[in-house]
């Protein structure tokens, strides 16, 4: 059995013979890692211009999502001072 991190991170134990639940957990892990998308993309040839556009879109999406998460965390923080005390 492999001990490297990628294998251990994607290992799912079947409990009480419940294979369907373990299969669902494994699919969720692979979807979060992007393995299923990579396999789906590599099934057919992707032109270099389409690949560049896709990678640029994914980079923009990562930046946008990180910025929105930062803004939401800023607004949702609990221990903040009153900006207008006494009003």
N, C-alpha and C. Protein backbone atom coordinates (compact mmCIF):
# COMPACT_ATOMS: atom_id res chain seq x y z
N UNK A 1 0.85 -1.18 0.00
CA UNK A 1 0.00 0.00 0.00
C UNK A 1 0.89 1.23 0.00
N UNK A 2 0.54 2.17 -0.84
CA UNK A 2 1.36 3.37 -0.98
C UNK A 2 1.15 4.30 0.23
N UNK A 3 2.23 4.95 0.63
CA UNK A 3 2.17 5.84 1.78
C UNK A 3 2.30 7.30 1.38
N UNK A 4 2.34 7.59 0.08
CA UNK A 4 2.49 8.99 -0.28
C UNK A 4 1.18 9.73 -0.08
N UNK A 5 1.29 11.04 0.05
CA UNK A 5 0.19 11.88 0.51
C UNK A 5 -1.01 11.85 -0.41
N UNK A 6 -0.80 11.85 -1.74
CA UNK A 6 -1.94 11.86 -2.66
C UNK A 6 -2.77 10.59 -2.53
N UNK A 7 -2.11 9.47 -2.32
CA UNK A 7 -2.85 8.21 -2.18
C UNK A 7 -3.60 8.17 -0.87
N UNK A 8 -2.94 8.56 0.21
CA UNK A 8 -3.56 8.52 1.53
C UNK A 8 -4.72 9.50 1.59
N UNK A 9 -4.59 10.66 0.96
CA UNK A 9 -5.65 11.66 0.96
C UNK A 9 -6.88 11.23 0.18
N UNK A 10 -6.72 10.28 -0.72
CA UNK A 10 -7.84 9.81 -1.54
C UNK A 10 -8.28 8.40 -1.17
N UNK A 11 -7.91 7.94 -0.01
CA UNK A 11 -8.29 6.61 0.45
C UNK A 11 -9.58 6.71 1.25
N UNK A 12 -10.52 5.83 0.94
CA UNK A 12 -11.81 5.82 1.63
C UNK A 12 -12.02 4.42 2.20
N UNK A 13 -12.38 4.38 3.47
CA UNK A 13 -12.63 3.10 4.12
C UNK A 13 -14.13 2.77 4.04
N UNK A 14 -14.44 1.53 3.71
CA UNK A 14 -15.83 1.06 3.65
C UNK A 14 -16.21 0.57 5.03
N UNK A 15 -17.28 1.14 5.58
CA UNK A 15 -17.71 0.77 6.92
C UNK A 15 -19.01 -0.02 6.84
N UNK A 16 -19.05 -1.14 7.51
CA UNK A 16 -20.23 -2.01 7.60
C UNK A 16 -20.72 -2.46 6.22
N UNK A 17 -19.83 -2.60 5.27
CA UNK A 17 -20.21 -3.05 3.94
C UNK A 17 -21.00 -2.04 3.14
N UNK A 18 -21.00 -0.78 3.55
CA UNK A 18 -21.77 0.26 2.86
C UNK A 18 -20.91 0.86 1.76
N UNK A 19 -20.90 0.19 0.60
CA UNK A 19 -20.05 0.60 -0.51
C UNK A 19 -20.59 1.87 -1.17
N UNK A 20 -21.90 2.04 -1.20
CA UNK A 20 -22.49 3.22 -1.86
C UNK A 20 -22.06 4.51 -1.16
N UNK A 21 -22.06 4.51 0.15
CA UNK A 21 -21.65 5.70 0.90
C UNK A 21 -20.17 5.99 0.67
N UNK A 22 -19.34 4.95 0.66
CA UNK A 22 -17.91 5.13 0.43
C UNK A 22 -17.65 5.64 -0.98
N UNK A 23 -18.44 5.14 -1.93
CA UNK A 23 -18.31 5.60 -3.32
C UNK A 23 -18.68 7.07 -3.44
N UNK A 24 -19.70 7.50 -2.73
CA UNK A 24 -20.08 8.91 -2.73
C UNK A 24 -19.01 9.79 -2.12
N UNK A 25 -18.40 9.32 -1.03
CA UNK A 25 -17.33 10.08 -0.39
C UNK A 25 -16.13 10.19 -1.33
N UNK A 26 -15.79 9.08 -1.99
CA UNK A 26 -14.67 9.09 -2.93
C UNK A 26 -14.94 10.04 -4.09
N UNK A 27 -16.14 10.02 -4.63
CA UNK A 27 -16.49 10.93 -5.73
C UNK A 27 -16.38 12.38 -5.29
N UNK A 28 -16.80 12.68 -4.06
CA UNK A 28 -16.71 14.05 -3.54
C UNK A 28 -15.25 14.48 -3.41
N UNK A 29 -14.39 13.59 -2.92
CA UNK A 29 -12.97 13.89 -2.77
C UNK A 29 -12.33 14.14 -4.13
N UNK A 30 -12.64 13.29 -5.11
CA UNK A 30 -12.07 13.45 -6.44
C UNK A 30 -12.59 14.71 -7.13
N UNK A 31 -13.85 15.07 -6.88
CA UNK A 31 -14.39 16.29 -7.47
C UNK A 31 -13.71 17.52 -6.88
N UNK A 32 -13.44 17.51 -5.57
CA UNK A 32 -12.77 18.64 -4.94
C UNK A 32 -11.33 18.78 -5.43
N UNK A 33 -10.67 17.66 -5.72
CA UNK A 33 -9.31 17.70 -6.23
C UNK A 33 -9.26 18.05 -7.72
N UNK A 34 -10.38 17.93 -8.41
CA UNK A 34 -10.41 18.24 -9.83
C UNK A 34 -9.96 17.10 -10.71
N UNK A 35 -9.90 15.90 -10.16
CA UNK A 35 -9.44 14.75 -10.94
C UNK A 35 -10.44 14.39 -12.03
N UNK A 36 -11.73 14.42 -11.70
CA UNK A 36 -12.76 14.05 -12.67
C UNK A 36 -12.76 15.03 -13.83
N UNK A 37 -12.60 16.32 -13.56
CA UNK A 37 -12.56 17.31 -14.63
C UNK A 37 -11.35 17.12 -15.52
N UNK A 38 -10.21 16.81 -14.92
CA UNK A 38 -8.99 16.59 -15.71
C UNK A 38 -9.15 15.39 -16.63
N UNK A 39 -9.75 14.33 -16.12
CA UNK A 39 -9.97 13.14 -16.94
C UNK A 39 -10.95 13.45 -18.07
N UNK A 40 -11.99 14.18 -17.75
CA UNK A 40 -12.98 14.55 -18.76
C UNK A 40 -12.37 15.44 -19.84
N UNK A 41 -11.49 16.36 -19.41
CA UNK A 41 -10.84 17.25 -20.39
C UNK A 41 -9.85 16.50 -21.26
N UNK A 42 -9.15 15.53 -20.70
CA UNK A 42 -8.12 14.83 -21.46
C UNK A 42 -8.71 13.76 -22.39
N UNK A 43 -9.99 13.57 -22.34
CA UNK A 43 -10.62 12.58 -23.21
C UNK A 43 -10.53 12.99 -24.67
N UNK A 44 -10.63 14.29 -24.96
CA UNK A 44 -10.54 14.80 -26.31
C UNK A 44 -9.43 15.84 -26.38
N UNK A 45 -8.95 16.08 -27.57
CA UNK A 45 -7.89 17.07 -27.78
C UNK A 45 -8.45 18.46 -27.53
N UNK A 46 -7.65 19.26 -26.82
CA UNK A 46 -8.04 20.64 -26.57
C UNK A 46 -7.05 21.54 -27.30
N UNK A 47 -7.58 22.39 -28.15
CA UNK A 47 -6.70 23.28 -28.90
C UNK A 47 -5.94 24.19 -27.94
N UNK A 48 -4.73 24.59 -28.31
CA UNK A 48 -3.93 25.43 -27.41
C UNK A 48 -4.61 26.75 -27.06
N UNK A 49 -5.31 27.36 -28.01
CA UNK A 49 -5.98 28.63 -27.71
C UNK A 49 -7.11 28.42 -26.71
N UNK A 50 -7.85 27.31 -26.86
CA UNK A 50 -8.92 27.01 -25.91
C UNK A 50 -8.35 26.72 -24.53
N UNK A 51 -7.21 26.03 -24.49
CA UNK A 51 -6.58 25.71 -23.20
C UNK A 51 -6.12 27.00 -22.51
N UNK A 52 -5.54 27.94 -23.27
CA UNK A 52 -5.12 29.21 -22.68
C UNK A 52 -6.32 29.99 -22.16
N UNK A 53 -7.40 30.02 -22.94
CA UNK A 53 -8.60 30.72 -22.50
C UNK A 53 -9.19 30.09 -21.25
N UNK A 54 -9.21 28.76 -21.19
CA UNK A 54 -9.74 28.05 -20.02
C UNK A 54 -8.88 28.33 -18.79
N UNK A 55 -7.55 28.25 -18.94
CA UNK A 55 -6.68 28.51 -17.80
C UNK A 55 -6.80 29.96 -17.33
N UNK A 56 -6.94 30.91 -18.26
CA UNK A 56 -7.11 32.31 -17.87
C UNK A 56 -8.43 32.50 -17.13
N UNK A 57 -9.49 31.85 -17.62
CA UNK A 57 -10.79 31.93 -16.96
C UNK A 57 -10.72 31.35 -15.56
N UNK A 58 -10.06 30.19 -15.41
CA UNK A 58 -9.94 29.57 -14.10
C UNK A 58 -9.14 30.45 -13.15
N UNK A 59 -8.10 31.10 -13.65
CA UNK A 59 -7.30 31.99 -12.80
C UNK A 59 -8.14 33.19 -12.35
N UNK A 60 -8.90 33.78 -13.29
CA UNK A 60 -9.77 34.91 -12.94
C UNK A 60 -10.82 34.49 -11.92
N UNK A 61 -11.36 33.30 -12.10
CA UNK A 61 -12.38 32.81 -11.18
C UNK A 61 -11.80 32.60 -9.78
N UNK A 62 -10.57 32.05 -9.70
CA UNK A 62 -9.93 31.87 -8.40
C UNK A 62 -9.72 33.20 -7.70
N UNK A 63 -9.26 34.21 -8.46
CA UNK A 63 -9.03 35.53 -7.87
C UNK A 63 -10.34 36.14 -7.39
N UNK A 64 -11.39 36.03 -8.22
CA UNK A 64 -12.70 36.59 -7.87
C UNK A 64 -13.25 35.91 -6.62
N UNK A 65 -13.19 34.59 -6.58
CA UNK A 65 -13.74 33.85 -5.44
C UNK A 65 -12.96 34.16 -4.16
N UNK A 66 -11.64 34.29 -4.28
CA UNK A 66 -10.84 34.62 -3.09
C UNK A 66 -11.18 36.02 -2.60
N UNK A 67 -11.36 36.97 -3.51
CA UNK A 67 -11.70 38.33 -3.11
C UNK A 67 -13.09 38.39 -2.46
N UNK A 68 -14.05 37.68 -3.04
CA UNK A 68 -15.39 37.68 -2.46
C UNK A 68 -15.39 36.99 -1.10
N UNK A 69 -14.63 35.92 -0.93
CA UNK A 69 -14.54 35.26 0.37
C UNK A 69 -13.92 36.20 1.40
N UNK A 70 -12.90 36.97 0.98
CA UNK A 70 -12.28 37.93 1.89
C UNK A 70 -13.27 39.01 2.30
N UNK A 71 -14.05 39.50 1.35
CA UNK A 71 -15.04 40.54 1.66
C UNK A 71 -16.15 40.02 2.58
N UNK A 72 -16.61 38.82 2.32
CA UNK A 72 -17.66 38.23 3.15
C UNK A 72 -17.14 37.99 4.56
N UNK A 73 -15.91 37.50 4.67
CA UNK A 73 -15.33 37.29 6.00
C UNK A 73 -15.17 38.62 6.73
N UNK A 74 -14.84 39.69 6.00
CA UNK A 74 -14.71 41.00 6.62
C UNK A 74 -16.04 41.48 7.16
N UNK A 75 -17.10 41.31 6.37
CA UNK A 75 -18.42 41.78 6.80
C UNK A 75 -19.03 40.90 7.89
N UNK A 76 -18.69 39.62 7.89
CA UNK A 76 -19.31 38.68 8.82
C UNK A 76 -18.52 38.52 10.11
N UNK A 77 -17.44 39.27 10.29
CA UNK A 77 -16.65 39.10 11.51
C UNK A 77 -17.48 39.56 12.71
N UNK A 78 -17.26 38.91 13.82
CA UNK A 78 -18.12 39.15 14.98
C UNK A 78 -17.56 40.21 15.92
N UNK A 79 -16.28 40.24 16.15
CA UNK A 79 -15.70 41.18 17.12
C UNK A 79 -15.19 42.42 16.39
N UNK A 80 -16.09 43.32 16.07
CA UNK A 80 -15.67 44.55 15.41
C UNK A 80 -16.16 45.74 16.22
N UNK A 81 -15.44 46.83 16.11
CA UNK A 81 -15.78 48.04 16.84
C UNK A 81 -16.87 48.80 16.10
N UNK A 82 -17.63 49.56 16.87
CA UNK A 82 -18.66 50.39 16.30
C UNK A 82 -17.99 51.55 15.58
N UNK A 83 -18.24 51.74 14.27
CA UNK A 83 -17.55 52.82 13.56
C UNK A 83 -18.04 54.20 13.96
N UNK A 84 -19.25 54.31 14.47
CA UNK A 84 -19.81 55.61 14.88
C UNK A 84 -20.30 55.50 16.33
N UNK A 85 -19.40 55.55 17.29
CA UNK A 85 -19.85 55.41 18.69
C UNK A 85 -20.67 56.61 19.12
N UNK A 86 -21.71 56.33 19.87
CA UNK A 86 -22.54 57.39 20.39
C UNK A 86 -23.66 57.84 19.48
N UNK A 87 -23.78 57.27 18.30
CA UNK A 87 -24.86 57.68 17.38
C UNK A 87 -26.09 56.85 17.56
